[in-house]
Amino acid sequence: MSEQSFSKQVKEEIISKINSVQKADACLFGILLCANELGADEITLLTETQTIADFFELNVKRICGENSVEFTSTDRGSGAAMLSLTVKGAEERAKLLEHFHIVDGRHCSKPNYPKKSLYPYMTAGMFLACGSLSDPNKNYHMEFVMPELHLCNSLGLLLLDNYELLAKHVERKGKQILYFKESENIIDMIAMMGATSASFDLMNIKIYKDMRNKINREVNCVNANIEKSIRAAEKQIADIELIDEKLGIGSLPDNLREIAMLRYENPDYNLGDLGAALDPPISRSGANHRLQKLAKIAEELRGAEGEK
């Protein structure tokens, strides 16, 4: 799944759930607030998603008349096209702005918002116009590239006050970016805007990634323990060989001779295995204690060898 395909999936599902004029108006209002141009002289939306272009054109025509939208498509190569939708005519633009009580560009006040139950659709409209999602298989990132700081702040407060969703803000190349990186917040945002199927898809991806990461950590831990055990066994066998060379294994006390021979013959045994194989069996810590005694004898032999 690519970044573009997941964003497109979410956006198309959002539009598919808009099933009333009230919801369509709230969504179109959000689109207009984040459109590329918004004012009495020009209203233009640029999008790469045909479904968004169709939604915008259909609903602007519903409000302003059949011939109110000019549509053009520019080939961007690699099969991608930039779709441009412009509201034609000063009268049509004025009618659209009046319909949404937009009197000063993007400077709209809270009383102009739709009723609270329609906030998700207004937020969804903003996302359709200026939002994107990364491929969740790679990382978690959702952002709104807002045209103005006050609009960025307004959306941030709306999400925090009404949905307890805390977004972060950064300025990038003169644009105001409202973004989320926490997977739980992104899942909640997507679901709140109406893309419930996509939110479940993201949830499943998160579960899979979390499980895979947990398994990887456990495997790494097991591998590290195995490597540690192998290195320890190699050192113990080297100690035993040195003792046998310098003193002879038979010179050791019975308890040390027994574990020395057992370790030498079974390099793959862990401490628990060694302890259990003794007669009588001893604990893991008991086996380790005896091996430490062998290590001390070998160290003394090495020290004596170094003094010569």
C-alpha atoms as a PDB file:
ATOM      1  CA  MET A   1       0.000   0.000   0.000  1.00  0.00           C
ATOM      2  CA  SER A   2       1.461   3.369  -1.003  1.00  0.00           C
ATOM      3  CA  GLU A   3       1.017   6.707   0.753  1.00  0.00           C
ATOM      4  CA  GLN A   4      -1.154   7.983  -2.095  1.00  0.00           C
ATOM      5  CA  SER A   5      -3.330   4.862  -2.177  1.00  0.00           C
ATOM      6  CA  PHE A   6      -4.086   4.939   1.572  1.00  0.00           C
ATOM      7  CA  SER A   7      -4.901   8.666   1.491  1.00  0.00           C
ATOM      8  CA  LYS A   8      -7.084   8.045  -1.543  1.00  0.00           C
ATOM      9  CA  GLN A   9      -8.825   5.119   0.171  1.00  0.00           C
ATOM     10  CA  VAL A  10      -9.672   7.285   3.190  1.00  0.00           C
ATOM     11  CA  LYS A  11     -10.838  10.233   1.084  1.00  0.00           C
ATOM     12  CA  GLU A  12     -13.035   8.107  -1.153  1.00  0.00           C
ATOM     13  CA  GLU A  13     -14.624   6.395   1.848  1.00  0.00           C
ATOM     14  CA  ILE A  14     -15.306   9.779   3.478  1.00  0.00           C
ATOM     15  CA  ILE A  15     -17.188  10.956   0.399  1.00  0.00           C
ATOM     16  CA  SER A  16     -19.107   7.680   0.109  1.00  0.00           C
ATOM     17  CA  LYS A  17     -20.555   8.220   3.612  1.00  0.00           C
ATOM     18  CA  ILE A  18     -21.947  11.705   2.864  1.00  0.00           C
ATOM     19  CA  ASN A  19     -25.632  10.975   2.361  1.00  0.00           C
ATOM     20  CA  SER A  20     -27.456  14.239   3.063  1.00  0.00           C
ATOM     21  CA  VAL A  21     -27.421  17.859   1.939  1.00  0.00           C
ATOM     22  CA  GLN A  22     -26.453  18.984   5.455  1.00  0.00           C
ATOM     23  CA  LYS A  23     -23.434  16.685   5.517  1.00  0.00           C
ATOM     24  CA  ALA A  24     -22.485  17.691   1.975  1.00  0.00           C
ATOM     25  CA  ASP A  25     -22.671  21.386   2.892  1.00  0.00           C
ATOM     26  CA  ALA A  26     -20.507  20.883   5.995  1.00  0.00           C
ATOM     27  CA  CYS A  27     -17.942  18.979   3.931  1.00  0.00           C
ATOM     28  CA  LEU A  28     -17.948  21.560   1.125  1.00  0.00           C
ATOM     29  CA  PHE A  29     -17.495  24.314   3.717  1.00  0.00           C
ATOM     30  CA  GLY A  30     -14.357  22.547   4.993  1.00  0.00           C
ATOM     31  CA  ILE A  31     -13.070  22.141   1.433  1.00  0.00           C
ATOM     32  CA  LEU A  32     -13.577  25.832   0.693  1.00  0.00           C
ATOM     33  CA  LEU A  33     -11.748  26.926   3.853  1.00  0.00           C
ATOM     34  CA  CYS A  34      -8.659  25.031   2.665  1.00  0.00           C
ATOM     35  CA  ALA A  35      -9.086  25.498  -1.092  1.00  0.00           C
ATOM     36  CA  ASN A  36      -6.148  26.817  -3.097  1.00  0.00           C
ATOM     37  CA  GLU A  37      -7.921  30.131  -3.705  1.00  0.00           C
ATOM     38  CA  LEU A  38     -10.892  31.501  -1.776  1.00  0.00           C
ATOM     39  CA  GLY A  39     -12.285  34.982  -2.278  1.00  0.00           C
ATOM     40  CA  ALA A  40     -14.601  37.164  -4.309  1.00  0.00           C
ATOM     41  CA  ASP A  41     -12.107  37.257  -7.191  1.00  0.00           C
ATOM     42  CA  GLU A  42     -11.278  33.550  -7.369  1.00  0.00           C
ATOM     43  CA  ILE A  43     -12.353  30.246  -5.870  1.00  0.00           C
ATOM     44  CA  THR A  44     -10.205  27.327  -7.050  1.00  0.00           C
ATOM     45  CA  LEU A  45      -9.599  23.806  -5.804  1.00  0.00           C
ATOM     46  CA  LEU A  46      -6.712  21.650  -7.027  1.00  0.00           C
ATOM     47  CA  THR A  47      -6.856  17.917  -6.392  1.00  0.00           C
ATOM     48  CA  GLU A  48      -5.432  14.679  -7.748  1.00  0.00           C
ATOM     49  CA  THR A  49      -8.491  12.660  -6.718  1.00  0.00           C
ATOM     50  CA  GLN A  50     -11.334  12.407  -9.213  1.00  0.00           C
ATOM     51  CA  THR A  51     -13.860  11.553  -6.483  1.00  0.00           C
ATOM     52  CA  ILE A  52     -13.106  14.834  -4.694  1.00  0.00           C
ATOM     53  CA  ALA A  53     -13.364  16.775  -7.951  1.00  0.00           C
ATOM     54  CA  ASP A  54     -16.745  15.170  -8.688  1.00  0.00           C
ATOM     55  CA  PHE A  55     -18.020  15.940  -5.184  1.00  0.00           C
ATOM     56  CA  PHE A  56     -16.908  19.578  -5.367  1.00  0.00           C
ATOM     57  CA  GLU A  57     -18.366  20.110  -8.832  1.00  0.00           C
ATOM     58  CA  LEU A  58     -21.686  18.433  -7.997  1.00  0.00           C
ATOM     59  CA  ASN A  59     -22.290  20.417  -4.823  1.00  0.00           C
ATOM     60  CA  VAL A  60     -21.114  23.795  -6.107  1.00  0.00           C
ATOM     61  CA  LYS A  61     -23.473  23.358  -9.055  1.00  0.00           C
ATOM     62  CA  ARG A  62     -26.253  22.450  -6.622  1.00  0.00           C
ATOM     63  CA  ILE A  63     -25.788  25.796  -4.893  1.00  0.00           C
ATOM     64  CA  CYS A  64     -24.689  28.089  -7.732  1.00  0.00           C
ATOM     65  CA  GLY A  65     -26.162  26.616 -10.901  1.00  0.00           C
ATOM     66  CA  GLU A  66     -25.295  24.131 -13.621  1.00  0.00           C
ATOM     67  CA  ASN A  67     -22.656  26.231 -15.422  1.00  0.00           C
ATOM     68  CA  SER A  68     -20.870  27.537 -12.344  1.00  0.00           C
ATOM     69  CA  VAL A  69     -17.760  25.305 -12.382  1.00  0.00           C
ATOM     70  CA  GLU A  70     -14.912  25.229 -14.886  1.00  0.00           C
ATOM     71  CA  PHE A  71     -12.979  21.962 -14.894  1.00  0.00           C
ATOM     72  CA  THR A  72      -9.504  21.375 -16.358  1.00  0.00           C
ATOM     73  CA  SER A  73      -7.030  18.511 -16.115  1.00  0.00           C
ATOM     74  CA  THR A  74      -3.243  18.786 -16.400  1.00  0.00           C
ATOM     75  CA  ASP A  75      -1.116  15.703 -17.027  1.00  0.00           C
ATOM     76  CA  ARG A  76       1.708  15.470 -14.479  1.00  0.00           C
ATOM     77  CA  GLY A  77       3.317  12.376 -15.972  1.00  0.00           C
ATOM     78  CA  SER A  78       3.353   8.798 -14.675  1.00  0.00           C
ATOM     79  CA  GLY A  79      -0.385   8.596 -15.197  1.00  0.00           C
ATOM     80  CA  ALA A  80      -1.092  11.287 -12.577  1.00  0.00           C
ATOM     81  CA  ALA A  81      -3.205  14.331 -13.366  1.00  0.00           C
ATOM     82  CA  MET A  82      -3.850  17.559 -11.477  1.00  0.00           C
ATOM     83  CA  LEU A  83      -7.534  18.434 -11.564  1.00  0.00           C
ATOM     84  CA  SER A  84      -8.454  22.112 -11.324  1.00  0.00           C
ATOM     85  CA  LEU A  85     -11.963  23.286 -10.457  1.00  0.00           C
ATOM     86  CA  THR A  86     -12.756  26.998 -10.575  1.00  0.00           C
ATOM     87  CA  VAL A  87     -16.034  28.694  -9.711  1.00  0.00           C
ATOM     88  CA  LYS A  88     -16.876  30.860 -12.734  1.00  0.00           C
ATOM     89  CA  GLY A  89     -18.380  34.320 -12.548  1.00  0.00           C
ATOM     90  CA  ALA A  90     -18.472  36.932  -9.801  1.00  0.00           C
ATOM     91  CA  GLU A  91     -22.173  36.327  -9.198  1.00  0.00           C
ATOM     92  CA  GLU A  92     -21.666  32.587  -8.692  1.00  0.00           C
ATOM     93  CA  ARG A  93     -18.718  33.133  -6.343  1.00  0.00           C
ATOM     94  CA  ALA A  94     -20.688  35.654  -4.324  1.00  0.00           C
ATOM     95  CA  LYS A  95     -23.583  33.220  -4.061  1.00  0.00           C
ATOM     96  CA  LEU A  96     -21.315  30.432  -2.827  1.00  0.00           C
ATOM     97  CA  LEU A  97     -19.584  32.656  -0.259  1.00  0.00           C
ATOM     98  CA  GLU A  98     -22.931  33.968   0.967  1.00  0.00           C
ATOM     99  CA  HIS A  99     -24.302  30.430   1.268  1.00  0.00           C
ATOM    100  CA  PHE A 100     -21.559  29.659   3.805  1.00  0.00           C
ATOM    101  CA  HIS A 101     -21.446  33.149   5.388  1.00  0.00           C
ATOM    102  CA  ILE A 102     -17.829  33.607   4.311  1.00  0.00           C
ATOM    103  CA  VAL A 103     -17.391  37.376   4.199  1.00  0.00           C
ATOM    104  CA  ASP A 104     -13.639  37.889   4.579  1.00  0.00           C
ATOM    105  CA  GLY A 105     -11.723  35.158   2.815  1.00  0.00           C
ATOM    106  CA  ARG A 106     -10.799  32.360   5.195  1.00  0.00           C
ATOM    107  CA  HIS A 107     -11.545  34.446   8.264  1.00  0.00           C
ATOM    108  CA  CYS A 108     -14.655  32.675   9.424  1.00  0.00           C
ATOM    109  CA  SER A 109     -15.876  32.774  12.999  1.00  0.00           C
ATOM    110  CA  LYS A 110     -17.258  29.892  15.041  1.00  0.00           C
ATOM    111  CA  PRO A 111     -20.891  31.027  14.608  1.00  0.00           C
ATOM    112  CA  ASN A 112     -20.450  30.315  10.881  1.00  0.00           C
ATOM    113  CA  TYR A 113     -19.540  26.695  11.558  1.00  0.00           C
ATOM    114  CA  PRO A 114     -22.187  24.043  10.966  1.00  0.00           C
ATOM    115  CA  LYS A 115     -23.858  22.572  14.040  1.00  0.00           C
ATOM    116  CA  LYS A 116     -21.665  20.433  16.266  1.00  0.00           C
ATOM    117  CA  SER A 117     -22.982  17.120  14.931  1.00  0.00           C
ATOM    118  CA  LEU A 118     -21.621  18.147  11.522  1.00  0.00           C
ATOM    119  CA  TYR A 119     -18.109  19.053  12.720  1.00  0.00           C
ATOM    120  CA  PRO A 120     -16.760  15.673  11.505  1.00  0.00           C
ATOM    121  CA  TYR A 121     -17.890  16.484   7.960  1.00  0.00           C
ATOM    122  CA  MET A 122     -16.371  19.962   8.049  1.00  0.00           C
ATOM    123  CA  THR A 123     -13.111  18.432   9.316  1.00  0.00           C
ATOM    124  CA  ALA A 124     -13.368  15.789   6.601  1.00  0.00           C
ATOM    125  CA  GLY A 125     -13.738  18.539   3.999  1.00  0.00           C
ATOM    126  CA  MET A 126     -10.548  20.179   5.226  1.00  0.00           C
ATOM    127  CA  PHE A 127      -8.791  16.833   4.965  1.00  0.00           C
ATOM    128  CA  LEU A 128     -10.104  16.312   1.429  1.00  0.00           C
ATOM    129  CA  ALA A 129      -8.703  19.701   0.408  1.00  0.00           C
ATOM    130  CA  CYS A 130      -5.328  19.754   2.151  1.00  0.00           C
ATOM    131  CA  GLY A 131      -4.783  16.514   4.053  1.00  0.00           C
ATOM    132  CA  SER A 132      -2.666  13.441   3.502  1.00  0.00           C
ATOM    133  CA  LEU A 133      -1.737  10.170   5.182  1.00  0.00           C
ATOM    134  CA  SER A 134       1.502   8.225   4.972  1.00  0.00           C
ATOM    135  CA  ASP A 135       1.559   4.533   4.139  1.00  0.00           C
ATOM    136  CA  PRO A 136       0.862   2.980   7.577  1.00  0.00           C
ATOM    137  CA  ASN A 137       3.012  -0.029   6.703  1.00  0.00           C
ATOM    138  CA  LYS A 138       6.009   2.341   6.795  1.00  0.00           C
ATOM    139  CA  ASN A 139       5.120   4.925   9.437  1.00  0.00           C
ATOM    140  CA  TYR A 140       2.220   6.750  11.051  1.00  0.00           C
ATOM    141  CA  HIS A 141       1.717  10.323   9.889  1.00  0.00           C
ATOM    142  CA  MET A 142      -1.366  12.393   9.116  1.00  0.00           C
ATOM    143  CA  GLU A 143      -1.225  16.074   8.242  1.00  0.00           C
ATOM    144  CA  PHE A 144      -3.239  19.065   7.100  1.00  0.00           C
ATOM    145  CA  VAL A 145      -1.268  21.615   5.056  1.00  0.00           C
ATOM    146  CA  MET A 146      -3.251  24.688   6.071  1.00  0.00           C
ATOM    147  CA  PRO A 147      -3.137  27.940   4.081  1.00  0.00           C
ATOM    148  CA  GLU A 148      -3.157  30.218   7.150  1.00  0.00           C
ATOM    149  CA  LEU A 149      -2.086  30.021  10.798  1.00  0.00           C
ATOM    150  CA  HIS A 150      -5.418  31.115  12.289  1.00  0.00           C
ATOM    151  CA  LEU A 151      -7.179  28.339  10.372  1.00  0.00           C
ATOM    152  CA  CYS A 152      -4.615  25.847  11.648  1.00  0.00           C
ATOM    153  CA  ASN A 153      -5.241  27.032  15.216  1.00  0.00           C
ATOM    154  CA  SER A 154      -9.023  26.910  14.784  1.00  0.00           C
ATOM    155  CA  LEU A 155      -8.949  23.302  13.598  1.00  0.00           C
ATOM    156  CA  GLY A 156      -6.533  22.318  16.360  1.00  0.00           C
ATOM    157  CA  LEU A 157      -8.808  23.796  19.042  1.00  0.00           C
ATOM    158  CA  LEU A 158     -11.912  22.226  17.500  1.00  0.00           C
ATOM    159  CA  LEU A 159     -10.314  18.771  17.563  1.00  0.00           C
ATOM    160  CA  LEU A 160      -9.025  19.178  21.113  1.00  0.00           C
ATOM    161  CA  ASP A 161     -12.206  20.674  22.598  1.00  0.00           C
ATOM    162  CA  ASN A 162     -14.652  18.299  20.933  1.00  0.00           C
ATOM    163  CA  TYR A 163     -12.745  15.045  20.405  1.00  0.00           C
ATOM    164  CA  GLU A 164      -9.766  15.244  22.803  1.00  0.00           C
ATOM    165  CA  LEU A 165      -7.427  14.887  19.840  1.00  0.00           C
ATOM    166  CA  LEU A 166      -4.203  16.822  20.381  1.00  0.00           C
ATOM    167  CA  ALA A 167      -2.541  17.761  17.093  1.00  0.00           C
ATOM    168  CA  LYS A 168       0.956  19.206  16.719  1.00  0.00           C
ATOM    169  CA  HIS A 169       1.941  22.209  14.617  1.00  0.00           C
ATOM    170  CA  VAL A 170       4.967  23.073  12.531  1.00  0.00           C
ATOM    171  CA  GLU A 171       5.688  25.634   9.814  1.00  0.00           C
ATOM    172  CA  ARG A 172       7.148  24.171   6.632  1.00  0.00           C
ATOM    173  CA  LYS A 173       8.074  26.291   3.601  1.00  0.00           C
ATOM    174  CA  GLY A 174       5.658  29.022   4.639  1.00  0.00           C
ATOM    175  CA  LYS A 175       2.791  26.570   5.110  1.00  0.00           C
ATOM    176  CA  GLN A 176       1.143  25.830   8.445  1.00  0.00           C
ATOM    177  CA  ILE A 177       1.114  22.092   9.129  1.00  0.00           C
ATOM    178  CA  LEU A 178      -1.241  20.460  11.621  1.00  0.00           C
ATOM    179  CA  TYR A 179      -0.197  16.845  12.114  1.00  0.00           C
ATOM    180  CA  PHE A 180      -0.528  13.618  14.088  1.00  0.00           C
ATOM    181  CA  LYS A 181       2.102  10.901  14.509  1.00  0.00           C
ATOM    182  CA  GLU A 182       0.416   8.727  17.146  1.00  0.00           C
ATOM    183  CA  SER A 183      -1.364   5.785  15.520  1.00  0.00           C
ATOM    184  CA  GLU A 184      -4.231   5.892  18.048  1.00  0.00           C
ATOM    185  CA  ASN A 185      -4.988   9.537  17.228  1.00  0.00           C
ATOM    186  CA  ILE A 186      -4.849   8.860  13.494  1.00  0.00           C
ATOM    187  CA  ILE A 187      -7.238   5.914  13.860  1.00  0.00           C
ATOM    188  CA  ASP A 188      -9.640   8.114  15.861  1.00  0.00           C
ATOM    189  CA  MET A 189      -9.379  10.935  13.320  1.00  0.00           C
ATOM    190  CA  ILE A 190     -10.116   8.671  10.370  1.00  0.00           C
ATOM    191  CA  ALA A 191     -13.077   7.079  12.146  1.00  0.00           C
ATOM    192  CA  MET A 192     -14.421  10.465  13.274  1.00  0.00           C
ATOM    193  CA  MET A 193     -14.384  11.737   9.680  1.00  0.00           C
ATOM    194  CA  GLY A 194     -16.438   8.744   8.548  1.00  0.00           C
ATOM    195  CA  ALA A 195     -13.829   6.375   7.096  1.00  0.00           C
ATOM    196  CA  THR A 196     -14.543   3.537   9.529  1.00  0.00           C
ATOM    197  CA  SER A 197     -13.371   0.744   7.207  1.00  0.00           C
ATOM    198  CA  ALA A 198     -10.030   2.495   6.670  1.00  0.00           C
ATOM    199  CA  SER A 199      -9.699   3.004  10.437  1.00  0.00           C
ATOM    200  CA  PHE A 200     -10.140  -0.756  10.962  1.00  0.00           C
ATOM    201  CA  ASP A 201      -7.560  -1.416   8.240  1.00  0.00           C
ATOM    202  CA  LEU A 202      -5.120   0.866  10.034  1.00  0.00           C
ATOM    203  CA  MET A 203      -5.918  -0.797  13.361  1.00  0.00           C
ATOM    204  CA  ASN A 204      -5.174  -4.227  11.876  1.00  0.00           C
ATOM    205  CA  ILE A 205      -1.903  -2.966  10.405  1.00  0.00           C
ATOM    206  CA  LYS A 206      -0.929  -1.586  13.816  1.00  0.00           C
ATOM    207  CA  ILE A 207      -1.762  -4.896  15.543  1.00  0.00           C
ATOM    208  CA  TYR A 208       0.287  -6.811  12.972  1.00  0.00           C
ATOM    209  CA  LYS A 209       3.259  -4.419  13.244  1.00  0.00           C
ATOM    210  CA  ASP A 210       3.160  -4.469  17.053  1.00  0.00           C
ATOM    211  CA  MET A 211       3.047  -8.279  17.064  1.00  0.00           C
ATOM    212  CA  ARG A 212       5.868  -8.504  14.521  1.00  0.00           C
ATOM    213  CA  ASN A 213       8.002  -6.087  16.541  1.00  0.00           C
ATOM    214  CA  LYS A 214       7.324  -8.055  19.729  1.00  0.00           C
ATOM    215  CA  ILE A 215       8.296 -11.329  18.033  1.00  0.00           C
ATOM    216  CA  ASN A 216      11.448  -9.709  16.620  1.00  0.00           C
ATOM    217  CA  ARG A 217      12.410  -8.440  20.076  1.00  0.00           C
ATOM    218  CA  GLU A 218      11.840 -11.885  21.586  1.00  0.00           C
ATOM    219  CA  VAL A 219      13.829 -13.598  18.814  1.00  0.00           C
ATOM    220  CA  ASN A 220      16.658 -11.083  19.225  1.00  0.00           C
ATOM    221  CA  CYS A 221      16.638 -11.689  22.972  1.00  0.00           C
ATOM    222  CA  VAL A 222      16.718 -15.478  22.502  1.00  0.00           C
ATOM    223  CA  ASN A 223      19.521 -15.171  19.935  1.00  0.00           C
ATOM    224  CA  ALA A 224      21.491 -12.912  22.257  1.00  0.00           C
ATOM    225  CA  ASN A 225      21.088 -15.399  25.105  1.00  0.00           C
ATOM    226  CA  ILE A 226      22.145 -18.284  22.851  1.00  0.00           C
ATOM    227  CA  GLU A 227      25.246 -16.366  21.726  1.00  0.00           C
ATOM    228  CA  LYS A 228      26.047 -15.526  25.339  1.00  0.00           C
ATOM    229  CA  SER A 229      25.654 -19.185  26.346  1.00  0.00           C
ATOM    230  CA  ILE A 230      27.878 -20.344  23.466  1.00  0.00           C
ATOM    231  CA  ARG A 231      30.626 -17.865  24.409  1.00  0.00           C
ATOM    232  CA  ALA A 232      30.390 -18.912  28.064  1.00  0.00           C
ATOM    233  CA  ALA A 233      30.580 -22.626  27.164  1.00  0.00           C
ATOM    234  CA  GLU A 234      33.611 -22.013  24.922  1.00  0.00           C
ATOM    235  CA  LYS A 235      35.376 -20.198  27.777  1.00  0.00           C
ATOM    236  CA  GLN A 236      34.506 -22.974  30.241  1.00  0.00           C
ATOM    237  CA  ILE A 237      35.810 -25.685  27.890  1.00  0.00           C
ATOM    238  CA  ALA A 238      39.029 -23.699  27.377  1.00  0.00           C
ATOM    239  CA  ASP A 239      39.412 -23.506  31.178  1.00  0.00           C
ATOM    240  CA  ILE A 240      38.856 -27.261  31.515  1.00  0.00           C
ATOM    241  CA  GLU A 241      41.397 -28.049  28.775  1.00  0.00           C
ATOM    242  CA  LEU A 242      43.976 -25.833  30.495  1.00  0.00           C
ATOM    243  CA  ILE A 243      43.377 -27.509  33.857  1.00  0.00           C
ATOM    244  CA  ASP A 244      43.658 -30.956  32.256  1.00  0.00           C
ATOM    245  CA  GLU A 245      46.894 -29.950  30.528  1.00  0.00           C
ATOM    246  CA  LYS A 246      48.535 -28.445  33.617  1.00  0.00           C
ATOM    247  CA  LEU A 247      47.103 -30.471  36.490  1.00  0.00           C
ATOM    248  CA  GLY A 248      45.045 -33.283  35.035  1.00  0.00           C
ATOM    249  CA  ILE A 249      41.294 -33.529  35.496  1.00  0.00           C
ATOM    250  CA  GLY A 250      41.811 -36.377  37.962  1.00  0.00           C
ATOM    251  CA  SER A 251      43.465 -33.965  40.405  1.00  0.00           C
ATOM    252  CA  LEU A 252      40.209 -32.061  40.899  1.00  0.00           C
ATOM    253  CA  PRO A 253      37.771 -32.722  43.749  1.00  0.00           C
ATOM    254  CA  ASP A 254      34.943 -35.078  42.797  1.00  0.00           C
ATOM    255  CA  ASN A 255      32.311 -32.336  42.492  1.00  0.00           C
ATOM    256  CA  LEU A 256      34.480 -30.223  40.162  1.00  0.00           C
ATOM    257  CA  ARG A 257      35.780 -33.198  38.172  1.00  0.00           C
ATOM    258  CA  GLU A 258      32.204 -34.386  37.556  1.00  0.00           C
ATOM    259  CA  ILE A 259      30.952 -31.065  36.186  1.00  0.00           C
ATOM    260  CA  ALA A 260      34.166 -30.480  34.214  1.00  0.00           C
ATOM    261  CA  MET A 261      33.735 -33.767  32.357  1.00  0.00           C
ATOM    262  CA  LEU A 262      30.017 -33.143  31.867  1.00  0.00           C
ATOM    263  CA  ARG A 263      30.644 -29.668  30.433  1.00  0.00           C
ATOM    264  CA  TYR A 264      33.444 -30.910  28.158  1.00  0.00           C
ATOM    265  CA  GLU A 265      31.256 -33.694  26.741  1.00  0.00           C
ATOM    266  CA  ASN A 266      28.133 -31.488  26.393  1.00  0.00           C
ATOM    267  CA  PRO A 267      29.093 -28.013  25.130  1.00  0.00           C
ATOM    268  CA  ASP A 268      25.473 -27.291  24.152  1.00  0.00           C
ATOM    269  CA  TYR A 269      24.065 -27.776  27.673  1.00  0.00           C
ATOM    270  CA  ASN A 270      22.901 -24.705  29.551  1.00  0.00           C
ATOM    271  CA  LEU A 271      23.396 -24.345  33.304  1.00  0.00           C
ATOM    272  CA  GLY A 272      20.042 -25.946  34.052  1.00  0.00           C
ATOM    273  CA  ASP A 273      20.863 -28.938  31.846  1.00  0.00           C
ATOM    274  CA  LEU A 274      24.249 -29.375  33.512  1.00  0.00           C
ATOM    275  CA  GLY A 275      22.783 -29.254  37.000  1.00  0.00           C
ATOM    276  CA  ALA A 276      20.042 -31.730  36.111  1.00  0.00           C
ATOM    277  CA  ALA A 277      22.536 -34.190  34.574  1.00  0.00           C
ATOM    278  CA  LEU A 278      24.666 -34.436  37.729  1.00  0.00           C
ATOM    279  CA  ASP A 279      24.158 -37.221  40.271  1.00  0.00           C
ATOM    280  CA  PRO A 280      22.625 -36.083  42.486  1.00  0.00           C
ATOM    281  CA  PRO A 281      21.132 -33.180  40.487  1.00  0.00           C
ATOM    282  CA  ILE A 282      21.880 -29.650  41.617  1.00  0.00           C
ATOM    283  CA  SER A 283      20.358 -26.267  40.874  1.00  0.00           C
ATOM    284  CA  ARG A 284      21.301 -23.941  38.053  1.00  0.00           C
ATOM    285  CA  SER A 285      23.074 -21.633  40.500  1.00  0.00           C
ATOM    286  CA  GLY A 286      24.894 -24.627  41.986  1.00  0.00           C
ATOM    287  CA  ALA A 287      26.195 -25.634  38.558  1.00  0.00           C
ATOM    288  CA  ASN A 288      27.288 -22.052  37.914  1.00  0.00           C
ATOM    289  CA  HIS A 289      29.095 -21.940  41.274  1.00  0.00           C
ATOM    290  CA  ARG A 290      31.144 -25.046  40.409  1.00  0.00           C
ATOM    291  CA  LEU A 291      32.028 -23.689  36.971  1.00  0.00           C
ATOM    292  CA  GLN A 292      33.163 -20.437  38.594  1.00  0.00           C
ATOM    293  CA  LYS A 293      35.522 -22.466  40.787  1.00  0.00           C
ATOM    294  CA  LEU A 294      36.967 -24.096  37.671  1.00  0.00           C
ATOM    295  CA  ALA A 295      37.353 -20.652  36.075  1.00  0.00           C
ATOM    296  CA  LYS A 296      39.238 -19.412  39.138  1.00  0.00           C
ATOM    297  CA  ILE A 297      41.643 -22.376  38.996  1.00  0.00           C
ATOM    298  CA  ALA A 298      42.253 -21.761  35.280  1.00  0.00           C
ATOM    299  CA  GLU A 299      42.843 -18.054  35.896  1.00  0.00           C
ATOM    300  CA  GLU A 300      45.429 -18.842  38.564  1.00  0.00           C
ATOM    301  CA  LEU A 301      47.174 -21.199  36.148  1.00  0.00           C
ATOM    302  CA  ARG A 302      47.273 -18.494  33.474  1.00  0.00           C
ATOM    303  CA  GLY A 303      48.641 -16.027  35.994  1.00  0.00           C
ATOM    304  CA  ALA A 304      51.349 -18.434  37.053  1.00  0.00           C
ATOM    305  CA  GLU A 305      52.232 -19.080  33.409  1.00  0.00           C
ATOM    306  CA  GLY A 306      52.552 -15.348  32.824  1.00  0.00           C
ATOM    307  CA  GLU A 307      54.982 -14.922  35.714  1.00  0.00           C
ATOM    308  CA  LYS A 308      57.471 -17.374  34.201  1.00  0.00           C
END
